Amino acid sequence: MSDSMKFGVITFPGSNCDQDLIYALGHNLGKEVVKLWHKDHDLQGCDFIFLPGGFSYGDYLRSGAIARFSPIMDEVAAHAKKGGYVMGICNGFQMLTEAGLLPGALLHNTSMNFICKNVYLKPVSKSALLTKDLEDRAYKVPIAHGEGNYYCLPDELKALEDNDQVLFHYCDENGNVTEAANPNGAMHNIAGVTNATKNVFGMMPHPERAADALLGNLDGKAILEMIG
């Protein structure tokens, strides 16, 4: 990707990870970052759009269900349709499934509890921009969600796997994908997926929260660096 690319981070009412993401992209990765507002009708020439984590509209109805109707989402959908890059993290992932830009849905964690802790991820897709050049190892990245249980219909799951669209599996620290390493009950330990054309990405864990040396963990930075 070109070094001249502009990265846009959208703030929705209730977003609480937008500034973390702006800092990670701008300060830690040295990218040009534009702050976008949910009522905007203009992506301001941004090449790569991020939908951050948080509790958009208080997570009423379902997480991401109302934010999906924000004015800027029409622009996000048009950008994605033209092949532009879009990435949703946590609540942003939920928005992308609600908007139909990614397959599946995020259900309540099987424990029915909000979970906030470090987990381990194993990169899967060998063709998606976000994961294809990552090392084959376990990456430690935080999660913080109550509805991160990824689910899709059997035919959708087959299509995801056949088309190399699964980005990450939850795993243990040694990279073993096991039921014990699954924090929320997600189908097949799925922690992130991409669309069929591999320009829209969604993941529940927060790489922006593991992107600064002061935090003692740069695994999230390694993931974000894959965007160019």
Protein backbone atom coordinates (compact mmCIF):
# COMPACT_ATOMS: atom_id res chain seq x y z
CA MET A 1 0.00 0.00 0.00
CA SER A 2 1.02 3.59 -0.60
CA ASP A 3 2.52 5.61 2.23
CA SER A 4 0.21 8.46 1.16
CA MET A 5 -2.92 6.59 2.18
CA LYS A 6 -5.31 8.38 4.53
CA PHE A 7 -6.96 6.50 7.37
CA GLY A 8 -10.34 7.58 8.70
CA VAL A 9 -11.69 6.70 12.17
CA ILE A 10 -15.42 7.21 12.68
CA THR A 11 -16.80 8.29 16.05
CA PHE A 12 -20.36 7.20 16.90
CA PRO A 13 -22.34 8.22 20.01
CA GLY A 14 -20.97 5.82 22.62
CA SER A 15 -17.69 5.00 20.88
CA ASN A 16 -14.94 4.69 23.49
CA CYS A 17 -12.03 3.26 21.50
CA ASP A 18 -11.89 5.86 18.76
CA GLN A 19 -9.12 7.89 20.41
CA ASP A 20 -7.13 4.72 21.17
CA LEU A 21 -7.32 3.81 17.49
CA ILE A 22 -6.41 7.32 16.33
CA TYR A 23 -3.39 7.24 18.65
CA ALA A 24 -2.30 3.77 17.55
CA LEU A 25 -2.57 4.59 13.86
CA GLY A 26 -1.14 8.09 14.07
CA HIS A 27 1.44 7.93 16.85
CA ASN A 28 2.49 4.28 16.84
CA LEU A 29 2.25 3.59 13.09
CA GLY A 30 2.86 7.09 11.74
CA LYS A 31 -0.24 7.13 9.53
CA GLU A 32 -2.22 10.16 8.40
CA VAL A 33 -5.47 9.90 10.35
CA VAL A 34 -8.70 11.82 9.81
CA LYS A 35 -11.40 12.01 12.48
CA LEU A 36 -14.82 11.32 10.99
CA TRP A 37 -18.23 11.92 12.62
CA HIS A 38 -21.17 9.54 12.33
CA LYS A 39 -23.38 12.25 10.78
CA ASP A 40 -20.85 13.07 8.05
CA HIS A 41 -21.72 12.40 4.42
CA ASP A 42 -18.12 12.66 3.27
CA LEU A 43 -15.20 10.30 3.95
CA GLN A 44 -12.81 13.19 3.23
CA GLY A 45 -10.76 11.25 0.74
CA CYS A 46 -9.83 8.52 3.22
CA ASP A 47 -8.63 5.26 1.69
CA PHE A 48 -9.04 2.99 4.73
CA ILE A 49 -12.00 3.44 7.08
CA PHE A 50 -12.07 2.18 10.68
CA LEU A 51 -15.16 1.58 12.82
CA PRO A 52 -13.94 1.52 16.44
CA GLY A 53 -15.04 -0.33 19.53
CA GLY A 54 -17.36 0.96 22.21
CA PHE A 55 -21.05 0.96 22.95
CA SER A 56 -22.61 2.83 20.04
CA TYR A 57 -26.06 4.13 20.98
CA GLY A 58 -25.73 2.31 24.29
CA ASP A 59 -25.94 -1.09 22.56
CA TYR A 60 -29.73 -0.74 22.55
CA LEU A 61 -31.66 -3.33 20.52
CA ARG A 62 -28.46 -5.17 19.57
CA SER A 63 -24.84 -4.04 19.49
CA GLY A 64 -24.31 -2.05 16.32
CA ALA A 65 -27.96 -2.29 15.25
CA ILE A 66 -28.66 1.47 15.46
CA ALA A 67 -25.20 2.70 14.43
CA ARG A 68 -25.65 0.76 11.22
CA PHE A 69 -28.22 3.45 10.23
CA SER A 70 -25.93 6.42 10.89
CA PRO A 71 -25.63 8.69 7.81
CA ILE A 72 -21.96 7.92 7.28
CA MET A 73 -22.66 4.21 6.92
CA ASP A 74 -24.11 4.84 3.44
CA GLU A 75 -20.72 6.27 2.50
CA VAL A 76 -18.91 3.35 4.16
CA ALA A 77 -21.02 0.85 2.21
CA ALA A 78 -20.38 2.69 -1.06
CA HIS A 79 -16.65 2.83 -0.30
CA ALA A 80 -16.58 -0.92 0.37
CA LYS A 81 -18.60 -1.67 -2.77
CA LYS A 82 -15.98 0.17 -4.84
CA GLY A 83 -13.24 -1.99 -3.27
CA GLY A 84 -12.18 0.47 -0.59
CA TYR A 85 -10.83 -0.90 2.66
CA VAL A 86 -13.01 -0.96 5.80
CA MET A 87 -12.20 -2.47 9.19
CA GLY A 88 -14.42 -2.84 12.24
CA ILE A 89 -13.03 -3.66 15.67
CA CYS A 90 -15.32 -5.07 18.40
CA ASN A 91 -18.44 -2.85 18.20
CA GLY A 92 -17.27 -1.89 14.71
CA PHE A 93 -17.31 -5.58 13.74
CA GLN A 94 -20.85 -5.80 15.08
CA MET A 95 -21.85 -2.80 12.94
CA LEU A 96 -20.43 -4.39 9.80
CA THR A 97 -22.41 -7.59 10.32
CA GLU A 98 -25.58 -5.58 11.06
CA ALA A 99 -25.00 -3.60 7.84
CA GLY A 100 -24.53 -6.79 5.82
CA LEU A 101 -20.98 -5.84 4.88
CA LEU A 102 -19.69 -8.96 6.64
CA PRO A 103 -21.41 -12.35 6.98
CA GLY A 104 -22.71 -13.70 10.28
CA ALA A 105 -23.66 -12.11 13.58
CA LEU A 106 -22.19 -11.50 17.02
CA LEU A 107 -24.30 -13.12 19.75
CA HIS A 108 -24.12 -12.85 23.52
CA ASN A 109 -21.11 -14.58 25.06
CA THR A 110 -22.11 -18.07 26.14
CA SER A 111 -21.19 -17.13 29.73
CA MET A 112 -23.69 -14.22 29.46
CA ASN A 113 -20.98 -12.06 31.07
CA PHE A 114 -18.95 -9.13 29.79
CA ILE A 115 -15.38 -10.39 29.31
CA CYS A 116 -12.33 -8.13 29.50
CA LYS A 117 -8.97 -9.90 29.35
CA ASN A 118 -6.05 -10.83 27.13
CA VAL A 119 -6.62 -13.68 24.71
CA TYR A 120 -4.49 -15.31 22.02
CA LEU A 121 -5.16 -15.25 18.29
CA LYS A 122 -3.85 -17.47 15.51
CA PRO A 123 -3.81 -15.93 12.01
CA VAL A 124 -5.71 -18.06 9.49
CA SER A 125 -6.24 -16.45 6.07
CA LYS A 126 -3.27 -16.64 3.74
CA SER A 127 -4.86 -14.29 1.19
CA ALA A 128 -6.35 -11.45 3.27
CA LEU A 129 -4.31 -8.27 3.62
CA LEU A 130 -4.62 -8.24 7.41
CA THR A 131 -3.19 -11.72 8.01
CA LYS A 132 -1.38 -13.09 4.97
CA ASP A 133 2.06 -11.84 6.05
CA LEU A 134 1.71 -12.41 9.80
CA GLU A 135 3.97 -14.96 11.47
CA ASP A 136 2.40 -18.32 12.21
CA ARG A 137 2.24 -17.87 15.98
CA ALA A 138 -0.10 -16.86 18.78
CA TYR A 139 -0.70 -13.11 19.17
CA LYS A 140 -1.76 -11.75 22.55
CA VAL A 141 -4.52 -9.15 22.13
CA PRO A 142 -7.16 -7.88 24.61
CA ILE A 143 -10.89 -8.41 24.28
CA ALA A 144 -13.65 -6.40 25.97
CA HIS A 145 -17.15 -7.41 24.94
CA GLY A 146 -20.45 -8.93 26.00
CA GLU A 147 -21.53 -9.97 22.49
CA GLY A 148 -18.55 -11.51 20.76
CA ASN A 149 -19.89 -14.98 20.06
CA TYR A 150 -19.53 -15.23 16.29
CA TYR A 151 -22.26 -17.21 14.54
CA CYS A 152 -23.21 -17.83 10.94
CA LEU A 153 -25.31 -20.34 9.04
CA PRO A 154 -23.67 -23.64 7.99
CA ASP A 155 -23.52 -22.66 4.32
CA GLU A 156 -21.98 -19.30 5.27
CA LEU A 157 -19.37 -21.06 7.39
CA LYS A 158 -18.48 -23.38 4.50
CA ALA A 159 -18.12 -20.38 2.19
CA LEU A 160 -15.91 -18.58 4.73
CA GLU A 161 -13.60 -21.55 5.05
CA ASP A 162 -13.59 -22.46 1.35
CA ASN A 163 -12.77 -18.88 0.36
CA ASP A 164 -10.10 -18.35 3.04
CA GLN A 165 -12.15 -15.62 4.75
CA VAL A 166 -11.49 -16.53 8.40
CA LEU A 167 -8.93 -14.02 9.72
CA PHE A 168 -8.24 -15.34 13.22
CA HIS A 169 -9.05 -18.24 15.52
CA TYR A 170 -8.93 -17.94 19.29
CA CYS A 171 -6.10 -20.16 20.51
CA ASP A 172 -3.93 -20.79 23.55
CA GLU A 173 -0.50 -19.20 24.07
CA ASN A 174 1.10 -22.01 22.07
CA GLY A 175 -1.19 -21.52 19.08
CA ASN A 176 -3.43 -24.52 19.76
CA VAL A 177 -7.05 -23.88 18.73
CA THR A 178 -9.05 -25.51 21.53
CA GLU A 179 -12.44 -25.18 23.15
CA ALA A 180 -10.75 -24.04 26.37
CA ALA A 181 -9.14 -21.14 24.49
CA ASN A 182 -12.50 -19.90 23.18
CA PRO A 183 -13.55 -16.99 25.45
CA ASN A 184 -17.08 -16.40 24.18
CA GLY A 185 -18.38 -19.56 22.48
CA ALA A 186 -17.68 -18.34 18.95
CA MET A 187 -18.35 -20.87 16.20
CA HIS A 188 -15.11 -22.69 15.27
CA ASN A 189 -13.22 -20.27 17.59
CA ILE A 190 -13.65 -17.51 15.00
CA ALA A 191 -12.34 -14.15 16.20
CA GLY A 192 -12.45 -12.27 12.89
CA VAL A 193 -13.58 -12.58 9.28
CA THR A 194 -13.31 -10.77 5.96
CA ASN A 195 -15.76 -10.46 3.09
CA ALA A 196 -15.57 -12.45 -0.15
CA THR A 197 -13.58 -9.72 -1.92
CA LYS A 198 -11.28 -9.33 1.12
CA ASN A 199 -11.49 -5.57 1.48
CA VAL A 200 -13.77 -5.47 4.56
CA PHE A 201 -12.39 -6.84 7.84
CA GLY A 202 -13.92 -7.43 11.26
CA MET A 203 -12.38 -8.70 14.49
CA MET A 204 -13.55 -8.73 18.10
CA PRO A 205 -10.14 -8.34 19.85
CA HIS A 206 -8.58 -4.86 20.14
CA PRO A 207 -5.17 -4.63 18.41
CA GLU A 208 -5.06 -0.88 19.14
CA ARG A 209 -4.83 -1.74 22.85
CA ALA A 210 -1.62 -3.70 22.28
CA ALA A 211 0.24 -1.28 20.04
CA ASP A 212 2.48 0.71 22.38
CA ALA A 213 5.72 -0.37 24.06
CA LEU A 214 4.58 1.33 27.29
CA LEU A 215 1.87 -1.33 27.54
CA GLY A 216 4.41 -4.14 27.34
CA ASN A 217 2.71 -5.76 24.36
CA LEU A 218 3.21 -4.96 20.67
CA ASP A 219 1.30 -7.90 19.18
CA GLY A 220 -1.58 -5.60 18.21
CA LYS A 221 0.82 -3.23 16.48
CA ALA A 222 2.15 -6.16 14.45
CA ILE A 223 -1.39 -6.84 13.24
CA LEU A 224 -2.17 -3.20 12.42
CA GLU A 225 1.12 -2.87 10.54
CA MET A 226 -0.27 -5.30 7.95
CA ILE A 227 -2.58 -2.58 6.60
CA GLY A 228 0.40 -0.86 5.00
